[in-house]
Amino acid sequence: MMAQLKAAASAPHKLAPEPSAGAAGVAPLPKLNFADALKTSLDSVSAAQHHSEELGKAFAMGDDKVSLSDVMISMQKSSISFQSSIQVRNKLVSAYHEIMNMQV
């Protein structure tokens, strides 16, 4: 998830309009789909959890290729990515409630 956020942070530099584009010198930016970005994030969290689970099973079965430190690091990474997705969800719900409580 952090890698995706870093990639998204560097993306506006790649999408900057060229000075010669458009009549007014400003080219429209391509639209980014929030649903696709959210799905990609959730898929990466799920993949991290599955990878962590597989490493844990392999270590428990006595696989010599998997060390305890690898298992613990993988579990912590998946836990952190899950907690960050929970925080994003909480912020989205909070913003939704604020918008719904706005007076028109």
PDB file of N, CA and C in Angstrom:
ATOM      1  N   MET A   1       0.831  -1.182   0.000  1.00  0.00           N
ATOM      2  CA  MET A   1       0.000   0.000   0.000  1.00  0.00           C
ATOM      3  C   MET A   1       0.881   1.255   0.000  1.00  0.00           C
ATOM      4  N   MET A   2       1.953   1.205   0.791  1.00  0.00           N
ATOM      5  CA  MET A   2       2.841   2.361   0.839  1.00  0.00           C
ATOM      6  C   MET A   2       3.503   2.584  -0.519  1.00  0.00           C
ATOM      7  N   ALA A   3       3.837   1.505  -1.202  1.00  0.00           N
ATOM      8  CA  ALA A   3       4.450   1.643  -2.525  1.00  0.00           C
ATOM      9  C   ALA A   3       3.469   2.273  -3.507  1.00  0.00           C
ATOM     10  N   GLN A   4       2.187   1.917  -3.382  1.00  0.00           N
ATOM     11  CA  GLN A   4       1.180   2.496  -4.260  1.00  0.00           C
ATOM     12  C   GLN A   4       0.993   3.977  -3.962  1.00  0.00           C
ATOM     13  N   LEU A   5       1.033   4.345  -2.683  1.00  0.00           N
ATOM     14  CA  LEU A   5       0.904   5.754  -2.323  1.00  0.00           C
ATOM     15  C   LEU A   5       2.087   6.558  -2.849  1.00  0.00           C
ATOM     16  N   LYS A   6       3.288   5.972  -2.751  1.00  0.00           N
ATOM     17  CA  LYS A   6       4.461   6.663  -3.279  1.00  0.00           C
ATOM     18  C   LYS A   6       4.375   6.802  -4.789  1.00  0.00           C
ATOM     19  N   ALA A   7       3.868   5.750  -5.452  1.00  0.00           N
ATOM     20  CA  ALA A   7       3.716   5.815  -6.905  1.00  0.00           C
ATOM     21  C   ALA A   7       2.682   6.862  -7.286  1.00  0.00           C
ATOM     22  N   ALA A   8       1.603   6.948  -6.504  1.00  0.00           N
ATOM     23  CA  ALA A   8       0.574   7.945  -6.776  1.00  0.00           C
ATOM     24  C   ALA A   8       1.106   9.355  -6.532  1.00  0.00           C
ATOM     25  N   ALA A   9       1.996   9.493  -5.549  1.00  0.00           N
ATOM     26  CA  ALA A   9       2.568  10.807  -5.265  1.00  0.00           C
ATOM     27  C   ALA A   9       3.476  11.266  -6.399  1.00  0.00           C
ATOM     28  N   SER A  10       4.142  10.322  -7.033  1.00  0.00           N
ATOM     29  CA  SER A  10       5.015  10.705  -8.142  1.00  0.00           C
ATOM     30  C   SER A  10       4.260  10.777  -9.466  1.00  0.00           C
ATOM     31  N   ALA A  11       3.054  10.259  -9.529  1.00  0.00           N
ATOM     32  CA  ALA A  11       2.278  10.235 -10.765  1.00  0.00           C
ATOM     33  C   ALA A  11       1.944  11.621 -11.307  1.00  0.00           C
ATOM     34  N   PRO A  12       1.598  12.627 -10.491  1.00  0.00           N
ATOM     35  CA  PRO A  12       1.278  13.937 -11.070  1.00  0.00           C
ATOM     36  C   PRO A  12       2.424  14.538 -11.872  1.00  0.00           C
ATOM     37  N   HIS A  13       3.662  14.202 -11.522  1.00  0.00           N
ATOM     38  CA  HIS A  13       4.792  14.713 -12.287  1.00  0.00           C
ATOM     39  C   HIS A  13       4.786  14.124 -13.695  1.00  0.00           C
ATOM     40  N   LYS A  14       4.363  12.886 -13.798  1.00  0.00           N
ATOM     41  CA  LYS A  14       4.318  12.229 -15.098  1.00  0.00           C
ATOM     42  C   LYS A  14       3.125  12.712 -15.913  1.00  0.00           C
ATOM     43  N   LEU A  15       2.059  13.131 -15.244  1.00  0.00           N
ATOM     44  CA  LEU A  15       0.835  13.521 -15.920  1.00  0.00           C
ATOM     45  C   LEU A  15       0.737  15.024 -16.150  1.00  0.00           C
ATOM     46  N   ALA A  16       1.792  15.761 -15.882  1.00  0.00           N
ATOM     47  CA  ALA A  16       1.757  17.208 -16.036  1.00  0.00           C
ATOM     48  C   ALA A  16       1.549  17.561 -17.506  1.00  0.00           C
ATOM     49  N   PRO A  17       0.713  18.567 -17.769  1.00  0.00           N
ATOM     50  CA  PRO A  17       0.448  18.936 -19.160  1.00  0.00           C
ATOM     51  C   PRO A  17       1.677  19.547 -19.812  1.00  0.00           C
ATOM     52  N   GLU A  18       1.805  19.286 -21.097  1.00  0.00           N
ATOM     53  CA  GLU A  18       2.901  19.868 -21.858  1.00  0.00           C
ATOM     54  C   GLU A  18       2.524  21.288 -22.257  1.00  0.00           C
ATOM     55  N   PRO A  19       3.493  22.200 -22.307  1.00  0.00           N
ATOM     56  CA  PRO A  19       3.174  23.594 -22.617  1.00  0.00           C
ATOM     57  C   PRO A  19       2.556  23.797 -23.990  1.00  0.00           C
ATOM     58  N   SER A  20       2.864  22.961 -24.962  1.00  0.00           N
ATOM     59  CA  SER A  20       2.351  23.169 -26.308  1.00  0.00           C
ATOM     60  C   SER A  20       0.999  22.511 -26.536  1.00  0.00           C
ATOM     61  N   ALA A  21       0.442  21.828 -25.565  1.00  0.00           N
ATOM     62  CA  ALA A  21      -0.804  21.083 -25.756  1.00  0.00           C
ATOM     63  C   ALA A  21      -2.009  21.981 -25.498  1.00  0.00           C
ATOM     64  N   GLY A  22      -3.053  21.818 -26.302  1.00  0.00           N
ATOM     65  CA  GLY A  22      -4.308  22.530 -26.087  1.00  0.00           C
ATOM     66  C   GLY A  22      -4.267  23.962 -26.589  1.00  0.00           C
ATOM     67  N   ALA A  23      -5.446  24.549 -26.763  1.00  0.00           N
ATOM     68  CA  ALA A  23      -5.543  25.911 -27.259  1.00  0.00           C
ATOM     69  C   ALA A  23      -5.076  26.900 -26.203  1.00  0.00           C
ATOM     70  N   ALA A  24      -5.390  26.650 -24.948  1.00  0.00           N
ATOM     71  CA  ALA A  24      -5.008  27.563 -23.877  1.00  0.00           C
ATOM     72  C   ALA A  24      -3.674  27.166 -23.262  1.00  0.00           C
ATOM     73  N   GLY A  25      -3.025  26.140 -23.818  1.00  0.00           N
ATOM     74  CA  GLY A  25      -1.748  25.705 -23.276  1.00  0.00           C
ATOM     75  C   GLY A  25      -1.893  24.710 -22.140  1.00  0.00           C
ATOM     76  N   VAL A  26      -3.121  24.272 -21.851  1.00  0.00           N
ATOM     77  CA  VAL A  26      -3.342  23.335 -20.755  1.00  0.00           C
ATOM     78  C   VAL A  26      -4.069  22.120 -21.297  1.00  0.00           C
ATOM     79  N   ALA A  27      -3.454  20.967 -21.167  1.00  0.00           N
ATOM     80  CA  ALA A  27      -4.094  19.728 -21.615  1.00  0.00           C
ATOM     81  C   ALA A  27      -4.858  19.114 -20.451  1.00  0.00           C
ATOM     82  N   PRO A  28      -6.019  18.540 -20.697  1.00  0.00           N
ATOM     83  CA  PRO A  28      -6.760  17.918 -19.605  1.00  0.00           C
ATOM     84  C   PRO A  28      -6.030  16.673 -19.101  1.00  0.00           C
ATOM     85  N   LEU A  29      -6.018  16.512 -17.788  1.00  0.00           N
ATOM     86  CA  LEU A  29      -5.391  15.347 -17.186  1.00  0.00           C
ATOM     87  C   LEU A  29      -6.313  14.149 -17.319  1.00  0.00           C
ATOM     88  N   PRO A  30      -5.748  12.970 -17.508  1.00  0.00           N
ATOM     89  CA  PRO A  30      -6.599  11.774 -17.552  1.00  0.00           C
ATOM     90  C   PRO A  30      -7.236  11.546 -16.188  1.00  0.00           C
ATOM     91  N   LYS A  31      -8.460  11.076 -16.191  1.00  0.00           N
ATOM     92  CA  LYS A  31      -9.185  10.877 -14.947  1.00  0.00           C
ATOM     93  C   LYS A  31      -8.684   9.624 -14.248  1.00  0.00           C
ATOM     94  N   LEU A  32      -8.477   9.728 -12.945  1.00  0.00           N
ATOM     95  CA  LEU A  32      -8.085   8.594 -12.132  1.00  0.00           C
ATOM     96  C   LEU A  32      -9.331   8.047 -11.462  1.00  0.00           C
ATOM     97  N   ASN A  33      -9.503   6.757 -11.504  1.00  0.00           N
ATOM     98  CA  ASN A  33     -10.681   6.125 -10.944  1.00  0.00           C
ATOM     99  C   ASN A  33     -10.412   5.723  -9.499  1.00  0.00           C
ATOM    100  N   PHE A  34     -11.148   6.313  -8.564  1.00  0.00           N
ATOM    101  CA  PHE A  34     -10.963   6.033  -7.146  1.00  0.00           C
ATOM    102  C   PHE A  34     -11.281   4.585  -6.825  1.00  0.00           C
ATOM    103  N   ALA A  35     -12.309   4.040  -7.442  1.00  0.00           N
ATOM    104  CA  ALA A  35     -12.707   2.653  -7.166  1.00  0.00           C
ATOM    105  C   ALA A  35     -11.598   1.683  -7.564  1.00  0.00           C
ATOM    106  N   ASP A  36     -10.945   1.949  -8.694  1.00  0.00           N
ATOM    107  CA  ASP A  36      -9.852   1.072  -9.110  1.00  0.00           C
ATOM    108  C   ASP A  36      -8.668   1.168  -8.155  1.00  0.00           C
ATOM    109  N   ALA A  37      -8.355   2.380  -7.709  1.00  0.00           N
ATOM    110  CA  ALA A  37      -7.253   2.558  -6.763  1.00  0.00           C
ATOM    111  C   ALA A  37      -7.550   1.870  -5.440  1.00  0.00           C
ATOM    112  N   LEU A  38      -8.796   1.978  -4.981  1.00  0.00           N
ATOM    113  CA  LEU A  38      -9.185   1.333  -3.726  1.00  0.00           C
ATOM    114  C   LEU A  38      -9.134  -0.177  -3.860  1.00  0.00           C
ATOM    115  N   LYS A  39      -9.622  -0.698  -4.966  1.00  0.00           N
ATOM    116  CA  LYS A  39      -9.598  -2.150  -5.188  1.00  0.00           C
ATOM    117  C   LYS A  39      -8.166  -2.663  -5.251  1.00  0.00           C
ATOM    118  N   THR A  40      -7.290  -1.939  -5.917  1.00  0.00           N
ATOM    119  CA  THR A  40      -5.894  -2.333  -6.000  1.00  0.00           C
ATOM    120  C   THR A  40      -5.255  -2.361  -4.618  1.00  0.00           C
ATOM    121  N   SER A  41      -5.561  -1.362  -3.800  1.00  0.00           N
ATOM    122  CA  SER A  41      -5.032  -1.322  -2.434  1.00  0.00           C
ATOM    123  C   SER A  41      -5.524  -2.505  -1.618  1.00  0.00           C
ATOM    124  N   LEU A  42      -6.805  -2.783  -1.695  1.00  0.00           N
ATOM    125  CA  LEU A  42      -7.360  -3.888  -0.925  1.00  0.00           C
ATOM    126  C   LEU A  42      -6.825  -5.231  -1.423  1.00  0.00           C
ATOM    127  N   ASP A  43      -6.606  -5.346  -2.715  1.00  0.00           N
ATOM    128  CA  ASP A  43      -6.022  -6.572  -3.253  1.00  0.00           C
ATOM    129  C   ASP A  43      -4.590  -6.777  -2.754  1.00  0.00           C
ATOM    130  N   SER A  44      -3.840  -5.687  -2.648  1.00  0.00           N
ATOM    131  CA  SER A  44      -2.471  -5.814  -2.154  1.00  0.00           C
ATOM    132  C   SER A  44      -2.449  -6.173  -0.672  1.00  0.00           C
ATOM    133  N   VAL A  45      -3.410  -5.652   0.109  1.00  0.00           N
ATOM    134  CA  VAL A  45      -3.516  -6.026   1.522  1.00  0.00           C
ATOM    135  C   VAL A  45      -3.850  -7.511   1.632  1.00  0.00           C
ATOM    136  N   SER A  46      -4.778  -7.962   0.817  1.00  0.00           N
ATOM    137  CA  SER A  46      -5.151  -9.372   0.824  1.00  0.00           C
ATOM    138  C   SER A  46      -3.983 -10.265   0.430  1.00  0.00           C
ATOM    139  N   ALA A  47      -3.244  -9.852  -0.578  1.00  0.00           N
ATOM    140  CA  ALA A  47      -2.085 -10.633  -1.021  1.00  0.00           C
ATOM    141  C   ALA A  47      -1.024 -10.708   0.078  1.00  0.00           C
ATOM    142  N   ALA A  48      -0.806  -9.604   0.782  1.00  0.00           N
ATOM    143  CA  ALA A  48       0.169  -9.601   1.873  1.00  0.00           C
ATOM    144  C   ALA A  48      -0.266 -10.540   2.992  1.00  0.00           C
ATOM    145  N   GLN A  49      -1.561 -10.561   3.287  1.00  0.00           N
ATOM    146  CA  GLN A  49      -2.056 -11.458   4.331  1.00  0.00           C
ATOM    147  C   GLN A  49      -1.925 -12.914   3.913  1.00  0.00           C
ATOM    148  N   HIS A  50      -2.229 -13.214   2.661  1.00  0.00           N
ATOM    149  CA  HIS A  50      -2.098 -14.590   2.181  1.00  0.00           C
ATOM    150  C   HIS A  50      -0.631 -15.035   2.174  1.00  0.00           C
ATOM    151  N   HIS A  51       0.257 -14.143   1.755  1.00  0.00           N
ATOM    152  CA  HIS A  51       1.680 -14.464   1.749  1.00  0.00           C
ATOM    153  C   HIS A  51       2.167 -14.727   3.169  1.00  0.00           C
ATOM    154  N   SER A  52       1.743 -13.911   4.103  1.00  0.00           N
ATOM    155  CA  SER A  52       2.122 -14.085   5.496  1.00  0.00           C
ATOM    156  C   SER A  52       1.608 -15.417   6.044  1.00  0.00           C
ATOM    157  N   GLU A  53       0.390 -15.748   5.700  1.00  0.00           N
ATOM    158  CA  GLU A  53      -0.195 -17.009   6.154  1.00  0.00           C
ATOM    159  C   GLU A  53       0.567 -18.204   5.575  1.00  0.00           C
ATOM    160  N   GLU A  54       0.921 -18.117   4.293  1.00  0.00           N
ATOM    161  CA  GLU A  54       1.668 -19.212   3.657  1.00  0.00           C
ATOM    162  C   GLU A  54       3.050 -19.381   4.287  1.00  0.00           C
ATOM    163  N   LEU A  55       3.716 -18.267   4.574  1.00  0.00           N
ATOM    164  CA  LEU A  55       5.021 -18.357   5.229  1.00  0.00           C
ATOM    165  C   LEU A  55       4.890 -18.978   6.617  1.00  0.00           C
ATOM    166  N   GLY A  56       3.856 -18.592   7.345  1.00  0.00           N
ATOM    167  CA  GLY A  56       3.632 -19.164   8.670  1.00  0.00           C
ATOM    168  C   GLY A  56       3.391 -20.665   8.618  1.00  0.00           C
ATOM    169  N   LYS A  57       2.605 -21.094   7.644  1.00  0.00           N
ATOM    170  CA  LYS A  57       2.356 -22.533   7.488  1.00  0.00           C
ATOM    171  C   LYS A  57       3.633 -23.271   7.127  1.00  0.00           C
ATOM    172  N   ALA A  58       4.404 -22.682   6.211  1.00  0.00           N
ATOM    173  CA  ALA A  58       5.652 -23.333   5.801  1.00  0.00           C
ATOM    174  C   ALA A  58       6.616 -23.445   6.978  1.00  0.00           C
ATOM    175  N   PHE A  59       6.704 -22.418   7.802  1.00  0.00           N
ATOM    176  CA  PHE A  59       7.587 -22.459   8.961  1.00  0.00           C
ATOM    177  C   PHE A  59       7.107 -23.499   9.972  1.00  0.00           C
ATOM    178  N   ALA A  60       5.798 -23.567  10.174  1.00  0.00           N
ATOM    179  CA  ALA A  60       5.242 -24.531  11.124  1.00  0.00           C
ATOM    180  C   ALA A  60       5.456 -25.968  10.648  1.00  0.00           C
ATOM    181  N   MET A  61       5.497 -26.180   9.332  1.00  0.00           N
ATOM    182  CA  MET A  61       5.718 -27.515   8.780  1.00  0.00           C
ATOM    183  C   MET A  61       7.198 -27.903   8.802  1.00  0.00           C
ATOM    184  N   GLY A  62       8.063 -26.965   9.163  1.00  0.00           N
ATOM    185  CA  GLY A  62       9.485 -27.274   9.290  1.00  0.00           C
ATOM    186  C   GLY A  62      10.292 -27.016   8.040  1.00  0.00           C
ATOM    187  N   ASP A  63       9.815 -26.157   7.152  1.00  0.00           N
ATOM    188  CA  ASP A  63      10.554 -25.830   5.936  1.00  0.00           C
ATOM    189  C   ASP A  63      11.829 -25.072   6.306  1.00  0.00           C
ATOM    190  N   ASP A  64      12.975 -25.573   5.840  1.00  0.00           N
ATOM    191  CA  ASP A  64      14.260 -24.953   6.163  1.00  0.00           C
ATOM    192  C   ASP A  64      14.496 -23.652   5.407  1.00  0.00           C
ATOM    193  N   LYS A  65      13.756 -23.422   4.338  1.00  0.00           N
ATOM    194  CA  LYS A  65      13.936 -22.216   3.523  1.00  0.00           C
ATOM    195  C   LYS A  65      13.313 -20.983   4.170  1.00  0.00           C
ATOM    196  N   VAL A  66      12.421 -21.196   5.151  1.00  0.00           N
ATOM    197  CA  VAL A  66      11.700 -20.087   5.783  1.00  0.00           C
ATOM    198  C   VAL A  66      12.221 -19.905   7.199  1.00  0.00           C
ATOM    199  N   SER A  67      12.666 -18.692   7.501  1.00  0.00           N
ATOM    200  CA  SER A  67      13.147 -18.415   8.853  1.00  0.00           C
ATOM    201  C   SER A  67      12.063 -17.717   9.667  1.00  0.00           C
ATOM    202  N   LEU A  68      12.235 -17.762  10.960  1.00  0.00           N
ATOM    203  CA  LEU A  68      11.263 -17.132  11.851  1.00  0.00           C
ATOM    204  C   LEU A  68      11.206 -15.628  11.627  1.00  0.00           C
ATOM    205  N   SER A  69      12.353 -15.025  11.365  1.00  0.00           N
ATOM    206  CA  SER A  69      12.369 -13.575  11.144  1.00  0.00           C
ATOM    207  C   SER A  69      11.585 -13.207   9.881  1.00  0.00           C
ATOM    208  N   ASP A  70      11.676 -14.026   8.834  1.00  0.00           N
ATOM    209  CA  ASP A  70      10.901 -13.771   7.614  1.00  0.00           C
ATOM    210  C   ASP A  70       9.410 -13.832   7.897  1.00  0.00           C
ATOM    211  N   VAL A  71       9.010 -14.815   8.692  1.00  0.00           N
ATOM    212  CA  VAL A  71       7.595 -14.975   9.043  1.00  0.00           C
ATOM    213  C   VAL A  71       7.113 -13.778   9.847  1.00  0.00           C
ATOM    214  N   MET A  72       7.887 -13.366  10.835  1.00  0.00           N
ATOM    215  CA  MET A  72       7.479 -12.244  11.684  1.00  0.00           C
ATOM    216  C   MET A  72       7.432 -10.929  10.906  1.00  0.00           C
ATOM    217  N   ILE A  73       8.399 -10.723  10.042  1.00  0.00           N
ATOM    218  CA  ILE A  73       8.398  -9.495   9.236  1.00  0.00           C
ATOM    219  C   ILE A  73       7.199  -9.473   8.304  1.00  0.00           C
ATOM    220  N   SER A  74       6.909 -10.603   7.688  1.00  0.00           N
ATOM    221  CA  SER A  74       5.758 -10.691   6.792  1.00  0.00           C
ATOM    222  C   SER A  74       4.457 -10.449   7.542  1.00  0.00           C
ATOM    223  N   MET A  75       4.348 -10.995   8.746  1.00  0.00           N
ATOM    224  CA  MET A  75       3.137 -10.786   9.554  1.00  0.00           C
ATOM    225  C   MET A  75       2.985  -9.316   9.951  1.00  0.00           C
ATOM    226  N   GLN A  76       4.085  -8.674  10.297  1.00  0.00           N
ATOM    227  CA  GLN A  76       4.019  -7.266  10.662  1.00  0.00           C
ATOM    228  C   GLN A  76       3.658  -6.388   9.467  1.00  0.00           C
ATOM    229  N   LYS A  77       4.211  -6.710   8.299  1.00  0.00           N
ATOM    230  CA  LYS A  77       3.868  -5.952   7.096  1.00  0.00           C
ATOM    231  C   LYS A  77       2.387  -6.073   6.768  1.00  0.00           C
ATOM    232  N   SER A  78       1.868  -7.292   6.863  1.00  0.00           N
ATOM    233  CA  SER A  78       0.449  -7.474   6.558  1.00  0.00           C
ATOM    234  C   SER A  78      -0.423  -6.795   7.604  1.00  0.00           C
ATOM    235  N   SER A  79       0.014  -6.819   8.851  1.00  0.00           N
ATOM    236  CA  SER A  79      -0.746  -6.150   9.909  1.00  0.00           C
ATOM    237  C   SER A  79      -0.766  -4.637   9.707  1.00  0.00           C
ATOM    238  N   ILE A  80       0.368  -4.080   9.365  1.00  0.00           N
ATOM    239  CA  ILE A  80       0.448  -2.628   9.144  1.00  0.00           C
ATOM    240  C   ILE A  80      -0.387  -2.214   7.942  1.00  0.00           C
ATOM    241  N   SER A  81      -0.327  -2.985   6.863  1.00  0.00           N
ATOM    242  CA  SER A  81      -1.121  -2.631   5.689  1.00  0.00           C
ATOM    243  C   SER A  81      -2.615  -2.750   5.983  1.00  0.00           C
ATOM    244  N   PHE A  82      -2.995  -3.751   6.789  1.00  0.00           N
ATOM    245  CA  PHE A  82      -4.402  -3.890   7.158  1.00  0.00           C
ATOM    246  C   PHE A  82      -4.847  -2.731   8.043  1.00  0.00           C
ATOM    247  N   GLN A  83      -4.035  -2.353   9.015  1.00  0.00           N
ATOM    248  CA  GLN A  83      -4.377  -1.238   9.896  1.00  0.00           C
ATOM    249  C   GLN A  83      -4.469   0.076   9.115  1.00  0.00           C
ATOM    250  N   SER A  84      -3.598   0.261   8.139  1.00  0.00           N
ATOM    251  CA  SER A  84      -3.679   1.495   7.346  1.00  0.00           C
ATOM    252  C   SER A  84      -4.942   1.515   6.496  1.00  0.00           C
ATOM    253  N   SER A  85      -5.357   0.358   5.986  1.00  0.00           N
ATOM    254  CA  SER A  85      -6.611   0.329   5.222  1.00  0.00           C
ATOM    255  C   SER A  85      -7.809   0.588   6.134  1.00  0.00           C
ATOM    256  N   ILE A  86      -7.741   0.134   7.374  1.00  0.00           N
ATOM    257  CA  ILE A  86      -8.800   0.424   8.349  1.00  0.00           C
ATOM    258  C   ILE A  86      -8.870   1.932   8.607  1.00  0.00           C
ATOM    259  N   GLN A  87      -7.721   2.573   8.725  1.00  0.00           N
ATOM    260  CA  GLN A  87      -7.697   4.019   8.964  1.00  0.00           C
ATOM    261  C   GLN A  87      -8.255   4.784   7.768  1.00  0.00           C
ATOM    262  N   VAL A  88      -7.940   4.333   6.568  1.00  0.00           N
ATOM    263  CA  VAL A  88      -8.494   4.979   5.371  1.00  0.00           C
ATOM    264  C   VAL A  88     -10.005   4.826   5.364  1.00  0.00           C
ATOM    265  N   ARG A  89     -10.490   3.632   5.692  1.00  0.00           N
ATOM    266  CA  ARG A  89     -11.933   3.404   5.748  1.00  0.00           C
ATOM    267  C   ARG A  89     -12.586   4.326   6.771  1.00  0.00           C
ATOM    268  N   ASN A  90     -11.970   4.461   7.943  1.00  0.00           N
ATOM    269  CA  ASN A  90     -12.528   5.329   8.978  1.00  0.00           C
ATOM    270  C   ASN A  90     -12.588   6.783   8.523  1.00  0.00           C
ATOM    271  N   LYS A  91     -11.554   7.230   7.821  1.00  0.00           N
ATOM    272  CA  LYS A  91     -11.555   8.600   7.309  1.00  0.00           C
ATOM    273  C   LYS A  91     -12.639   8.792   6.249  1.00  0.00           C
ATOM    274  N   LEU A  92     -12.824   7.795   5.397  1.00  0.00           N
ATOM    275  CA  LEU A  92     -13.870   7.890   4.377  1.00  0.00           C
ATOM    276  C   LEU A  92     -15.256   7.946   5.001  1.00  0.00           C
ATOM    277  N   VAL A  93     -15.485   7.127   6.013  1.00  0.00           N
ATOM    278  CA  VAL A  93     -16.787   7.122   6.690  1.00  0.00           C
ATOM    279  C   VAL A  93     -17.004   8.450   7.393  1.00  0.00           C
ATOM    280  N   SER A  94     -15.972   8.965   8.020  1.00  0.00           N
ATOM    281  CA  SER A  94     -16.078  10.257   8.700  1.00  0.00           C
ATOM    282  C   SER A  94     -16.393  11.382   7.704  1.00  0.00           C
ATOM    283  N   ALA A  95     -15.718  11.379   6.565  1.00  0.00           N
ATOM    284  CA  ALA A  95     -15.983  12.394   5.546  1.00  0.00           C
ATOM    285  C   ALA A  95     -17.402  12.259   4.999  1.00  0.00           C
ATOM    286  N   TYR A  96     -17.857  11.028   4.817  1.00  0.00           N
ATOM    287  CA  TYR A  96     -19.222  10.797   4.340  1.00  0.00           C
ATOM    288  C   TYR A  96     -20.236  11.366   5.333  1.00  0.00           C
ATOM    289  N   HIS A  97     -20.020  11.119   6.622  1.00  0.00           N
ATOM    290  CA  HIS A  97     -20.945  11.638   7.633  1.00  0.00           C
ATOM    291  C   HIS A  97     -20.932  13.167   7.671  1.00  0.00           C
ATOM    292  N   GLU A  98     -19.758  13.760   7.503  1.00  0.00           N
ATOM    293  CA  GLU A  98     -19.676  15.218   7.477  1.00  0.00           C
ATOM    294  C   GLU A  98     -20.459  15.789   6.294  1.00  0.00           C
ATOM    295  N   ILE A  99     -20.330  15.160   5.144  1.00  0.00           N
ATOM    296  CA  ILE A  99     -21.030  15.634   3.956  1.00  0.00           C
ATOM    297  C   ILE A  99     -22.532  15.465   4.134  1.00  0.00           C
ATOM    298  N   MET A 100     -22.931  14.346   4.705  1.00  0.00           N
ATOM    299  CA  MET A 100     -24.369  14.086   4.899  1.00  0.00           C
ATOM    300  C   MET A 100     -24.987  15.045   5.918  1.00  0.00           C
ATOM    301  N   ASN A 101     -24.189  15.510   6.872  1.00  0.00           N
ATOM    302  CA  ASN A 101     -24.711  16.411   7.901  1.00  0.00           C
ATOM    303  C   ASN A 101     -24.623  17.886   7.493  1.00  0.00           C
ATOM    304  N   MET A 102     -24.109  18.177   6.322  1.00  0.00           N
ATOM    305  CA  MET A 102     -24.029  19.557   5.855  1.00  0.00           C
ATOM    306  C   MET A 102     -25.432  20.090   5.576  1.00  0.00           C
ATOM    307  N   GLN A 103     -25.625  21.341   5.920  1.00  0.00           N
ATOM    308  CA  GLN A 103     -26.912  21.964   5.609  1.00  0.00           C
ATOM    309  C   GLN A 103     -26.862  22.544   4.209  1.00  0.00           C
ATOM    310  N   VAL A 104     -27.948  22.378   3.493  1.00  0.00           N
ATOM    311  CA  VAL A 104     -28.004  22.845   2.108  1.00  0.00           C
ATOM    312  C   VAL A 104     -28.599  24.223   2.041  1.00  0.00           C
TER     313      VAL A 104
END
